[in-house]
Amino acid sequence: MSVVNDPALHEYPLDDRINFDRFHRENPHVFSTFKQRAFAMRATGRLKYGARTIIENMRWDYDIATTGDVFLINDDYVPMYARLFLHRNPKMLQPIPFFELRRVRSRGRMSDEERERRGL
């Protein structure tokens, strides 16, 4: 299922969403594992945790268990996974968002939202 038009990612420029969507569709195990680990961490009683820590832990586990290939994921996708996860799991927003989300910075490109605001 495409995430290009998912409301959770509306702040990102279209080309970033397209690239993320391609990775997401080709690697469904990444989001599945990310979700499992986020829920497992929440089950310990923590109200907040780092999405980047989850991804780095996934990299570690994969690299330890395999030879040759390394677990490759663009670091820019980590906050996209966090947003997608929170959007699809609203209970993880209570009493506070499980992941801290910062303003999207698009490295000189305007998001669709910014283009609309500026009337472009």
N, C-alpha and C. Protein backbone atom coordinates (compact mmCIF):
# COMPACT_ATOMS: atom_id res chain seq x y z
N MET A 1 0.84 -1.19 0.00
CA MET A 1 0.00 0.00 0.00
C MET A 1 0.88 1.24 0.00
N SER A 2 0.60 2.16 -0.88
CA SER A 2 1.40 3.37 -1.03
C SER A 2 1.21 4.32 0.16
N VAL A 3 2.30 4.95 0.54
CA VAL A 3 2.24 5.94 1.62
C VAL A 3 2.52 7.35 1.09
N VAL A 4 2.61 7.49 -0.24
CA VAL A 4 2.93 8.79 -0.84
C VAL A 4 1.95 9.86 -0.37
N ASN A 5 0.67 9.53 -0.31
CA ASN A 5 -0.34 10.52 0.07
C ASN A 5 -0.85 10.35 1.50
N ASP A 6 -0.11 9.60 2.31
CA ASP A 6 -0.52 9.41 3.69
C ASP A 6 -0.45 10.76 4.42
N PRO A 7 -1.51 11.14 5.13
CA PRO A 7 -1.51 12.43 5.84
C PRO A 7 -0.35 12.59 6.83
N ALA A 8 0.17 11.48 7.34
CA ALA A 8 1.28 11.56 8.29
C ALA A 8 2.54 12.15 7.67
N LEU A 9 2.63 12.09 6.35
CA LEU A 9 3.85 12.51 5.66
C LEU A 9 3.65 13.77 4.81
N HIS A 10 2.54 14.46 4.99
CA HIS A 10 2.20 15.60 4.13
C HIS A 10 3.22 16.73 4.15
N GLU A 11 4.01 16.84 5.20
CA GLU A 11 4.98 17.93 5.30
C GLU A 11 6.22 17.69 4.43
N TYR A 12 6.40 16.47 3.98
CA TYR A 12 7.59 16.15 3.20
C TYR A 12 7.39 16.47 1.73
N PRO A 13 8.43 16.91 1.05
CA PRO A 13 8.33 17.14 -0.40
C PRO A 13 7.96 15.83 -1.12
N LEU A 14 7.28 15.95 -2.23
CA LEU A 14 6.79 14.80 -2.96
C LEU A 14 7.91 13.82 -3.32
N ASP A 15 9.05 14.31 -3.77
CA ASP A 15 10.11 13.38 -4.17
C ASP A 15 10.62 12.57 -2.98
N ASP A 16 10.65 13.16 -1.79
CA ASP A 16 11.05 12.42 -0.59
C ASP A 16 10.02 11.33 -0.27
N ARG A 17 8.73 11.69 -0.42
CA ARG A 17 7.68 10.72 -0.15
C ARG A 17 7.70 9.57 -1.16
N ILE A 18 8.00 9.87 -2.41
CA ILE A 18 8.08 8.84 -3.44
C ILE A 18 9.23 7.88 -3.13
N ASN A 19 10.39 8.42 -2.77
CA ASN A 19 11.54 7.57 -2.45
C ASN A 19 11.26 6.70 -1.23
N PHE A 20 10.66 7.31 -0.20
CA PHE A 20 10.31 6.56 1.00
C PHE A 20 9.29 5.47 0.68
N ASP A 21 8.30 5.82 -0.13
CA ASP A 21 7.27 4.85 -0.51
C ASP A 21 7.88 3.64 -1.20
N ARG A 22 8.81 3.87 -2.09
CA ARG A 22 9.46 2.77 -2.80
C ARG A 22 10.18 1.85 -1.81
N PHE A 23 10.95 2.45 -0.91
CA PHE A 23 11.66 1.65 0.09
C PHE A 23 10.67 0.90 0.97
N HIS A 24 9.64 1.58 1.41
CA HIS A 24 8.63 1.01 2.30
C HIS A 24 7.94 -0.20 1.65
N ARG A 25 7.58 -0.10 0.37
CA ARG A 25 6.92 -1.20 -0.33
C ARG A 25 7.87 -2.37 -0.58
N GLU A 26 9.15 -2.06 -0.87
CA GLU A 26 10.12 -3.12 -1.14
C GLU A 26 10.65 -3.79 0.12
N ASN A 27 10.44 -3.17 1.27
CA ASN A 27 10.98 -3.68 2.54
C ASN A 27 9.93 -3.63 3.64
N PRO A 28 8.82 -4.34 3.48
CA PRO A 28 7.75 -4.27 4.49
C PRO A 28 8.20 -4.76 5.87
N HIS A 29 9.21 -5.59 5.91
CA HIS A 29 9.71 -6.11 7.18
C HIS A 29 10.28 -5.00 8.07
N VAL A 30 10.74 -3.91 7.48
CA VAL A 30 11.32 -2.82 8.28
C VAL A 30 10.24 -2.20 9.16
N PHE A 31 9.11 -1.81 8.56
CA PHE A 31 8.04 -1.19 9.35
C PHE A 31 7.44 -2.17 10.33
N SER A 32 7.31 -3.42 9.90
CA SER A 32 6.77 -4.45 10.78
C SER A 32 7.64 -4.61 12.03
N THR A 33 8.93 -4.70 11.84
CA THR A 33 9.85 -4.83 12.98
C THR A 33 9.86 -3.56 13.82
N PHE A 34 9.84 -2.41 13.15
CA PHE A 34 9.81 -1.13 13.85
C PHE A 34 8.58 -1.08 14.78
N LYS A 35 7.42 -1.46 14.26
CA LYS A 35 6.19 -1.46 15.07
C LYS A 35 6.31 -2.41 16.26
N GLN A 36 6.78 -3.63 16.00
CA GLN A 36 6.91 -4.61 17.07
C GLN A 36 7.79 -4.07 18.19
N ARG A 37 8.89 -3.46 17.83
CA ARG A 37 9.82 -2.96 18.84
C ARG A 37 9.27 -1.74 19.57
N ALA A 38 8.55 -0.90 18.88
CA ALA A 38 7.94 0.25 19.54
C ALA A 38 6.90 -0.21 20.57
N PHE A 39 6.05 -1.17 20.16
CA PHE A 39 5.04 -1.69 21.09
C PHE A 39 5.70 -2.41 22.27
N ALA A 40 6.77 -3.15 22.00
CA ALA A 40 7.48 -3.86 23.07
C ALA A 40 8.08 -2.86 24.06
N MET A 41 8.63 -1.78 23.55
CA MET A 41 9.22 -0.78 24.45
C MET A 41 8.12 -0.09 25.26
N ARG A 42 6.99 0.20 24.64
CA ARG A 42 5.89 0.84 25.36
C ARG A 42 5.39 -0.09 26.46
N ALA A 43 5.41 -1.40 26.20
CA ALA A 43 4.95 -2.38 27.17
C ALA A 43 5.82 -2.41 28.43
N THR A 44 7.03 -1.86 28.34
CA THR A 44 7.89 -1.79 29.53
C THR A 44 7.47 -0.66 30.46
N GLY A 45 6.53 0.17 29.99
CA GLY A 45 6.07 1.29 30.81
C GLY A 45 6.62 2.63 30.37
N ARG A 46 7.52 2.63 29.42
CA ARG A 46 8.07 3.91 28.94
C ARG A 46 7.00 4.66 28.15
N LEU A 47 6.94 5.96 28.36
CA LEU A 47 5.99 6.80 27.64
C LEU A 47 6.62 7.43 26.41
N LYS A 48 7.95 7.51 26.37
CA LYS A 48 8.67 8.09 25.24
C LYS A 48 9.87 7.21 24.92
N TYR A 49 10.23 7.21 23.63
CA TYR A 49 11.43 6.48 23.23
C TYR A 49 11.89 7.05 21.90
N GLY A 50 13.09 6.70 21.51
CA GLY A 50 13.67 7.23 20.28
C GLY A 50 13.48 6.30 19.09
N ALA A 51 12.87 6.83 18.05
CA ALA A 51 12.70 6.05 16.81
C ALA A 51 14.05 5.68 16.23
N ARG A 52 14.99 6.60 16.31
CA ARG A 52 16.33 6.34 15.78
C ARG A 52 17.00 5.20 16.54
N THR A 53 16.77 5.12 17.84
CA THR A 53 17.33 4.03 18.64
C THR A 53 16.79 2.69 18.17
N ILE A 54 15.50 2.65 17.85
CA ILE A 54 14.90 1.41 17.35
C ILE A 54 15.55 1.00 16.03
N ILE A 55 15.69 1.94 15.12
CA ILE A 55 16.30 1.62 13.82
C ILE A 55 17.75 1.19 13.99
N GLU A 56 18.50 1.87 14.84
CA GLU A 56 19.91 1.49 15.05
C GLU A 56 20.00 0.09 15.66
N ASN A 57 19.08 -0.23 16.55
CA ASN A 57 19.04 -1.57 17.13
C ASN A 57 18.72 -2.61 16.06
N MET A 58 17.84 -2.28 15.15
CA MET A 58 17.52 -3.18 14.04
C MET A 58 18.76 -3.39 13.16
N ARG A 59 19.50 -2.33 12.91
CA ARG A 59 20.74 -2.45 12.13
C ARG A 59 21.72 -3.40 12.82
N TRP A 60 21.89 -3.21 14.11
CA TRP A 60 22.81 -4.04 14.89
C TRP A 60 22.41 -5.51 14.79
N ASP A 61 21.14 -5.79 15.08
CA ASP A 61 20.67 -7.18 15.06
C ASP A 61 20.87 -7.81 13.69
N TYR A 62 20.53 -7.08 12.64
CA TYR A 62 20.66 -7.61 11.30
C TYR A 62 22.13 -7.88 10.96
N ASP A 63 22.99 -6.92 11.28
CA ASP A 63 24.41 -7.07 10.94
C ASP A 63 25.08 -8.19 11.73
N ILE A 64 24.66 -8.41 12.95
CA ILE A 64 25.21 -9.50 13.77
C ILE A 64 24.75 -10.86 13.22
N ALA A 65 23.52 -10.93 12.76
CA ALA A 65 22.93 -12.21 12.35
C ALA A 65 23.24 -12.60 10.91
N THR A 66 23.80 -11.70 10.11
CA THR A 66 24.03 -12.00 8.70
C THR A 66 25.48 -11.73 8.33
N THR A 67 25.87 -12.26 7.20
CA THR A 67 27.19 -11.96 6.66
C THR A 67 26.99 -11.34 5.29
N GLY A 68 27.92 -10.52 4.89
CA GLY A 68 27.82 -9.89 3.57
C GLY A 68 27.05 -8.59 3.62
N ASP A 69 25.77 -8.66 3.26
CA ASP A 69 24.95 -7.45 3.19
C ASP A 69 24.84 -6.76 4.54
N VAL A 70 24.69 -5.46 4.49
CA VAL A 70 24.43 -4.70 5.71
C VAL A 70 22.99 -4.17 5.62
N PHE A 71 22.44 -3.86 6.77
CA PHE A 71 21.08 -3.33 6.85
C PHE A 71 21.13 -1.87 6.41
N LEU A 72 20.67 -1.60 5.22
CA LEU A 72 20.71 -0.24 4.68
C LEU A 72 19.34 0.41 4.77
N ILE A 73 19.31 1.55 5.40
CA ILE A 73 18.10 2.36 5.45
C ILE A 73 18.55 3.82 5.55
N ASN A 74 17.98 4.64 4.72
CA ASN A 74 18.29 6.05 4.70
C ASN A 74 17.90 6.67 6.05
N ASP A 75 18.81 7.39 6.67
CA ASP A 75 18.52 8.02 7.96
C ASP A 75 17.33 8.98 7.87
N ASP A 76 17.09 9.54 6.69
CA ASP A 76 15.95 10.44 6.52
C ASP A 76 14.62 9.73 6.68
N TYR A 77 14.61 8.40 6.57
CA TYR A 77 13.37 7.65 6.68
C TYR A 77 12.95 7.41 8.13
N VAL A 78 13.87 7.56 9.07
CA VAL A 78 13.55 7.29 10.48
C VAL A 78 12.39 8.17 10.96
N PRO A 79 12.45 9.49 10.79
CA PRO A 79 11.29 10.30 11.25
C PRO A 79 10.02 10.02 10.45
N MET A 80 10.18 9.57 9.22
CA MET A 80 9.00 9.23 8.42
C MET A 80 8.33 7.99 8.99
N TYR A 81 9.14 7.01 9.38
CA TYR A 81 8.58 5.82 10.03
C TYR A 81 7.90 6.20 11.35
N ALA A 82 8.51 7.10 12.11
CA ALA A 82 7.92 7.52 13.39
C ALA A 82 6.56 8.19 13.17
N ARG A 83 6.48 9.07 12.18
CA ARG A 83 5.22 9.74 11.88
C ARG A 83 4.16 8.75 11.41
N LEU A 84 4.56 7.86 10.52
CA LEU A 84 3.63 6.86 10.01
C LEU A 84 3.11 5.97 11.14
N PHE A 85 4.02 5.56 12.02
CA PHE A 85 3.64 4.72 13.15
C PHE A 85 2.64 5.44 14.05
N LEU A 86 2.93 6.67 14.44
CA LEU A 86 2.03 7.41 15.34
C LEU A 86 0.68 7.67 14.68
N HIS A 87 0.70 7.98 13.40
CA HIS A 87 -0.56 8.24 12.69
C HIS A 87 -1.43 6.99 12.65
N ARG A 88 -0.81 5.84 12.49
CA ARG A 88 -1.57 4.59 12.39
C ARG A 88 -1.88 3.96 13.74
N ASN A 89 -1.27 4.48 14.78
CA ASN A 89 -1.46 3.93 16.14
C ASN A 89 -1.72 5.08 17.10
N PRO A 90 -2.89 5.71 17.02
CA PRO A 90 -3.17 6.90 17.83
C PRO A 90 -3.07 6.68 19.33
N LYS A 91 -3.23 5.44 19.79
CA LYS A 91 -3.08 5.19 21.23
C LYS A 91 -1.66 5.50 21.70
N MET A 92 -0.70 5.47 20.77
CA MET A 92 0.69 5.76 21.12
C MET A 92 0.94 7.27 21.24
N LEU A 93 -0.12 8.05 21.08
CA LEU A 93 -0.03 9.50 21.28
C LEU A 93 -0.44 9.90 22.69
N GLN A 94 -0.95 8.93 23.45
CA GLN A 94 -1.48 9.21 24.79
C GLN A 94 -0.61 8.57 25.87
N PRO A 95 -0.35 9.18 26.97
CA PRO A 95 -0.73 10.55 27.30
C PRO A 95 0.12 11.59 26.58
N ILE A 96 1.25 11.16 26.02
CA ILE A 96 2.10 12.03 25.21
C ILE A 96 2.58 11.20 24.02
N PRO A 97 2.98 11.85 22.92
CA PRO A 97 3.49 11.08 21.78
C PRO A 97 4.70 10.23 22.17
N PHE A 98 4.67 8.97 21.78
CA PHE A 98 5.75 8.04 22.11
C PHE A 98 7.06 8.50 21.48
N PHE A 99 6.99 9.04 20.28
CA PHE A 99 8.18 9.58 19.61
C PHE A 99 8.06 11.10 19.54
N GLU A 100 9.16 11.77 19.80
CA GLU A 100 9.19 13.22 19.65
C GLU A 100 9.36 13.54 18.18
N LEU A 101 8.47 14.38 17.67
CA LEU A 101 8.54 14.77 16.27
C LEU A 101 8.98 16.22 16.16
N ARG A 102 9.91 16.45 15.29
CA ARG A 102 10.40 17.82 15.06
C ARG A 102 9.88 18.31 13.72
N ARG A 103 10.04 19.60 13.52
CA ARG A 103 9.62 20.21 12.27
C ARG A 103 10.40 19.58 11.12
N VAL A 104 9.72 19.33 10.03
CA VAL A 104 10.35 18.74 8.85
C VAL A 104 11.22 19.80 8.17
N ARG A 105 12.46 19.44 7.94
CA ARG A 105 13.37 20.32 7.19
C ARG A 105 13.64 19.64 5.86
N SER A 106 13.41 20.37 4.79
CA SER A 106 13.48 19.73 3.48
C SER A 106 14.70 20.13 2.66
N ARG A 107 15.73 20.58 3.30
CA ARG A 107 16.98 20.88 2.61
C ARG A 107 16.77 21.73 1.36
N GLY A 108 16.11 22.86 1.52
CA GLY A 108 15.96 23.79 0.42
C GLY A 108 14.75 23.56 -0.46
N ARG A 109 14.03 22.46 -0.26
CA ARG A 109 12.84 22.19 -1.06
C ARG A 109 11.62 22.47 -0.21
N MET A 110 10.57 22.94 -0.85
CA MET A 110 9.34 23.23 -0.12
C MET A 110 8.41 22.03 -0.10
N SER A 111 7.79 21.82 1.05
CA SER A 111 6.79 20.77 1.16
C SER A 111 5.53 21.22 0.41
N ASP A 112 4.64 20.28 0.14
CA ASP A 112 3.37 20.62 -0.50
C ASP A 112 2.61 21.62 0.36
N GLU A 113 2.69 21.43 1.68
CA GLU A 113 2.01 22.33 2.61
C GLU A 113 2.55 23.77 2.47
N GLU A 114 3.87 23.90 2.40
CA GLU A 114 4.49 25.23 2.27
C GLU A 114 4.14 25.84 0.92
N ARG A 115 4.14 25.06 -0.14
CA ARG A 115 3.76 25.58 -1.46
C ARG A 115 2.32 26.12 -1.44
N GLU A 116 1.44 25.38 -0.78
CA GLU A 116 0.05 25.81 -0.70
C GLU A 116 -0.07 27.10 0.10
N ARG A 117 0.65 27.19 1.21
CA ARG A 117 0.64 28.40 2.03
C ARG A 117 1.08 29.62 1.23
N ARG A 118 2.07 29.43 0.38
CA ARG A 118 2.62 30.52 -0.41
C ARG A 118 1.87 30.75 -1.72
N GLY A 119 0.89 29.90 -1.98
CA GLY A 119 0.11 30.05 -3.19
C GLY A 119 0.88 29.68 -4.45
N LEU A 120 1.79 28.73 -4.34
CA LEU A 120 2.60 28.32 -5.51
C LEU A 120 2.04 27.08 -6.16
